[in-house]
Amino acid sequence: MKSLLQYLCLKAYDQINNQEGQDLVEYALTIVLVALACVAGINNVASAINTIFSNISATLS
């Protein structure tokens, strides 16, 4: 019984200190932050492009 308890404690300790999945979480957070920045900035870019095409259209008219 004692060896089973030691085995379970060691297994739990290994699982707590396991950091294999940490990289995946960091990559996912980075991708989410980049996506949010793109979504936030796309409105300004779209507005600037619309202004440029409006100016070109006004100049050609």
N, C-alpha and C. Protein backbone atom coordinates (compact mmCIF):
# COMPACT_ATOMS: atom_id res chain seq x y z
N MET A 1 0.82 -1.19 0.00
CA MET A 1 0.00 0.00 0.00
C MET A 1 0.86 1.25 0.00
N LYS A 2 1.97 1.18 0.77
CA LYS A 2 2.86 2.33 0.86
C LYS A 2 3.52 2.62 -0.49
N SER A 3 3.92 1.56 -1.20
CA SER A 3 4.57 1.77 -2.49
C SER A 3 3.57 2.33 -3.52
N LEU A 4 2.31 1.93 -3.42
CA LEU A 4 1.29 2.47 -4.32
C LEU A 4 1.08 3.96 -4.05
N LEU A 5 1.07 4.34 -2.78
CA LEU A 5 0.92 5.74 -2.41
C LEU A 5 2.12 6.55 -2.89
N GLN A 6 3.33 6.00 -2.74
CA GLN A 6 4.52 6.68 -3.23
C GLN A 6 4.46 6.83 -4.75
N TYR A 7 4.04 5.77 -5.43
CA TYR A 7 3.93 5.81 -6.88
C TYR A 7 2.95 6.90 -7.32
N LEU A 8 1.80 6.97 -6.67
CA LEU A 8 0.80 7.97 -7.03
C LEU A 8 1.29 9.39 -6.74
N CYS A 9 2.01 9.56 -5.63
CA CYS A 9 2.57 10.88 -5.30
C CYS A 9 3.61 11.30 -6.33
N LEU A 10 4.48 10.38 -6.72
CA LEU A 10 5.49 10.69 -7.73
C LEU A 10 4.85 10.99 -9.09
N LYS A 11 3.82 10.25 -9.44
CA LYS A 11 3.11 10.46 -10.70
C LYS A 11 2.45 11.84 -10.71
N ALA A 12 1.83 12.20 -9.59
CA ALA A 12 1.19 13.52 -9.48
C ALA A 12 2.24 14.62 -9.56
N TYR A 13 3.38 14.43 -8.91
CA TYR A 13 4.46 15.41 -8.95
C TYR A 13 4.99 15.59 -10.37
N ASP A 14 5.14 14.50 -11.10
CA ASP A 14 5.60 14.57 -12.49
C ASP A 14 4.59 15.31 -13.36
N GLN A 15 3.32 15.08 -13.13
CA GLN A 15 2.29 15.75 -13.92
C GLN A 15 2.25 17.24 -13.63
N ILE A 16 2.47 17.62 -12.39
CA ILE A 16 2.47 19.04 -12.02
C ILE A 16 3.65 19.75 -12.66
N ASN A 17 4.81 19.10 -12.70
CA ASN A 17 6.02 19.72 -13.22
C ASN A 17 6.18 19.53 -14.72
N ASN A 18 5.26 18.86 -15.37
CA ASN A 18 5.33 18.63 -16.82
C ASN A 18 5.02 19.93 -17.54
N GLN A 19 5.90 20.36 -18.42
CA GLN A 19 5.73 21.63 -19.12
C GLN A 19 5.64 21.45 -20.63
N GLU A 20 5.29 20.29 -21.10
CA GLU A 20 5.23 20.04 -22.54
C GLU A 20 4.13 20.84 -23.23
N GLY A 21 2.98 20.99 -22.60
CA GLY A 21 1.87 21.69 -23.21
C GLY A 21 1.97 23.19 -23.11
N GLN A 22 2.95 23.69 -22.39
CA GLN A 22 3.09 25.13 -22.18
C GLN A 22 3.40 25.85 -23.49
N ASP A 23 4.22 25.28 -24.35
CA ASP A 23 4.55 25.92 -25.62
C ASP A 23 3.32 26.09 -26.49
N LEU A 24 2.48 25.10 -26.52
CA LEU A 24 1.26 25.18 -27.32
C LEU A 24 0.38 26.33 -26.86
N VAL A 25 0.24 26.50 -25.57
CA VAL A 25 -0.57 27.59 -25.03
C VAL A 25 0.04 28.94 -25.38
N GLU A 26 1.35 29.05 -25.30
CA GLU A 26 2.01 30.31 -25.64
C GLU A 26 1.83 30.65 -27.12
N TYR A 27 1.96 29.66 -27.99
CA TYR A 27 1.74 29.90 -29.42
C TYR A 27 0.30 30.30 -29.69
N ALA A 28 -0.64 29.66 -29.02
CA ALA A 28 -2.05 30.00 -29.21
C ALA A 28 -2.33 31.43 -28.76
N LEU A 29 -1.78 31.83 -27.63
CA LEU A 29 -1.97 33.20 -27.16
C LEU A 29 -1.35 34.21 -28.10
N THR A 30 -0.20 33.90 -28.65
CA THR A 30 0.44 34.80 -29.61
C THR A 30 -0.40 34.94 -30.86
N ILE A 31 -0.94 33.85 -31.36
CA ILE A 31 -1.78 33.90 -32.55
C ILE A 31 -3.05 34.71 -32.28
N VAL A 32 -3.63 34.54 -31.10
CA VAL A 32 -4.83 35.30 -30.75
C VAL A 32 -4.52 36.79 -30.68
N LEU A 33 -3.40 37.15 -30.09
CA LEU A 33 -3.04 38.57 -30.00
C LEU A 33 -2.79 39.17 -31.37
N VAL A 34 -2.13 38.44 -32.25
CA VAL A 34 -1.90 38.93 -33.61
C VAL A 34 -3.22 39.09 -34.35
N ALA A 35 -4.11 38.13 -34.19
CA ALA A 35 -5.42 38.21 -34.84
C ALA A 35 -6.22 39.40 -34.34
N LEU A 36 -6.19 39.65 -33.04
CA LEU A 36 -6.89 40.81 -32.50
C LEU A 36 -6.31 42.12 -33.01
N ALA A 37 -5.00 42.17 -33.13
CA ALA A 37 -4.36 43.38 -33.66
C ALA A 37 -4.76 43.59 -35.12
N CYS A 38 -4.83 42.52 -35.88
CA CYS A 38 -5.25 42.63 -37.28
C CYS A 38 -6.69 43.09 -37.40
N VAL A 39 -7.56 42.55 -36.59
CA VAL A 39 -8.98 42.94 -36.62
C VAL A 39 -9.13 44.40 -36.19
N ALA A 40 -8.38 44.81 -35.18
CA ALA A 40 -8.47 46.20 -34.71
C ALA A 40 -7.91 47.17 -35.74
N GLY A 41 -6.86 46.79 -36.45
CA GLY A 41 -6.23 47.68 -37.40
C GLY A 41 -6.87 47.68 -38.77
N ILE A 42 -7.66 46.68 -39.10
CA ILE A 42 -8.22 46.57 -40.44
C ILE A 42 -9.19 47.69 -40.74
N ASN A 43 -9.87 48.20 -39.73
CA ASN A 43 -10.81 49.30 -39.93
C ASN A 43 -10.08 50.55 -40.39
N ASN A 44 -8.94 50.86 -39.78
CA ASN A 44 -8.15 52.03 -40.18
C ASN A 44 -7.59 51.86 -41.59
N VAL A 45 -7.14 50.66 -41.90
CA VAL A 45 -6.60 50.40 -43.24
C VAL A 45 -7.69 50.51 -44.29
N ALA A 46 -8.86 49.97 -44.01
CA ALA A 46 -9.97 50.04 -44.95
C ALA A 46 -10.39 51.48 -45.18
N SER A 47 -10.41 52.26 -44.13
CA SER A 47 -10.77 53.67 -44.26
C SER A 47 -9.74 54.43 -45.11
N ALA A 48 -8.47 54.15 -44.90
CA ALA A 48 -7.41 54.82 -45.67
C ALA A 48 -7.49 54.42 -47.14
N ILE A 49 -7.74 53.16 -47.43
CA ILE A 49 -7.85 52.71 -48.82
C ILE A 49 -9.07 53.35 -49.49
N ASN A 50 -10.16 53.43 -48.77
CA ASN A 50 -11.37 54.05 -49.31
C ASN A 50 -11.11 55.53 -49.63
N THR A 51 -10.38 56.22 -48.77
CA THR A 51 -10.04 57.62 -49.02
C THR A 51 -9.16 57.76 -50.25
N ILE A 52 -8.21 56.89 -50.41
CA ILE A 52 -7.30 56.95 -51.56
C ILE A 52 -8.08 56.74 -52.85
N PHE A 53 -8.96 55.74 -52.89
CA PHE A 53 -9.75 55.49 -54.09
C PHE A 53 -10.74 56.62 -54.36
N SER A 54 -11.25 57.23 -53.32
CA SER A 54 -12.16 58.38 -53.51
C SER A 54 -11.40 59.55 -54.12
N ASN A 55 -10.17 59.78 -53.65
CA ASN A 55 -9.36 60.85 -54.22
C ASN A 55 -9.01 60.57 -55.68
N ILE A 56 -8.69 59.35 -55.98
CA ILE A 56 -8.38 58.98 -57.38
C ILE A 56 -9.62 59.16 -58.25
N SER A 57 -10.77 58.75 -57.74
CA SER A 57 -12.02 58.89 -58.50
C SER A 57 -12.35 60.36 -58.72
N ALA A 58 -12.16 61.18 -57.72
CA ALA A 58 -12.43 62.62 -57.86
C ALA A 58 -11.47 63.26 -58.85
N THR A 59 -10.23 62.83 -58.85
CA THR A 59 -9.24 63.39 -59.78
C THR A 59 -9.56 62.99 -61.22
N LEU A 60 -9.99 61.76 -61.43
CA LEU A 60 -10.32 61.31 -62.79
C LEU A 60 -11.62 61.94 -63.32
N SER A 61 -12.50 62.32 -62.43
CA SER A 61 -13.77 62.93 -62.86
C SER A 61 -13.54 64.31 -63.27
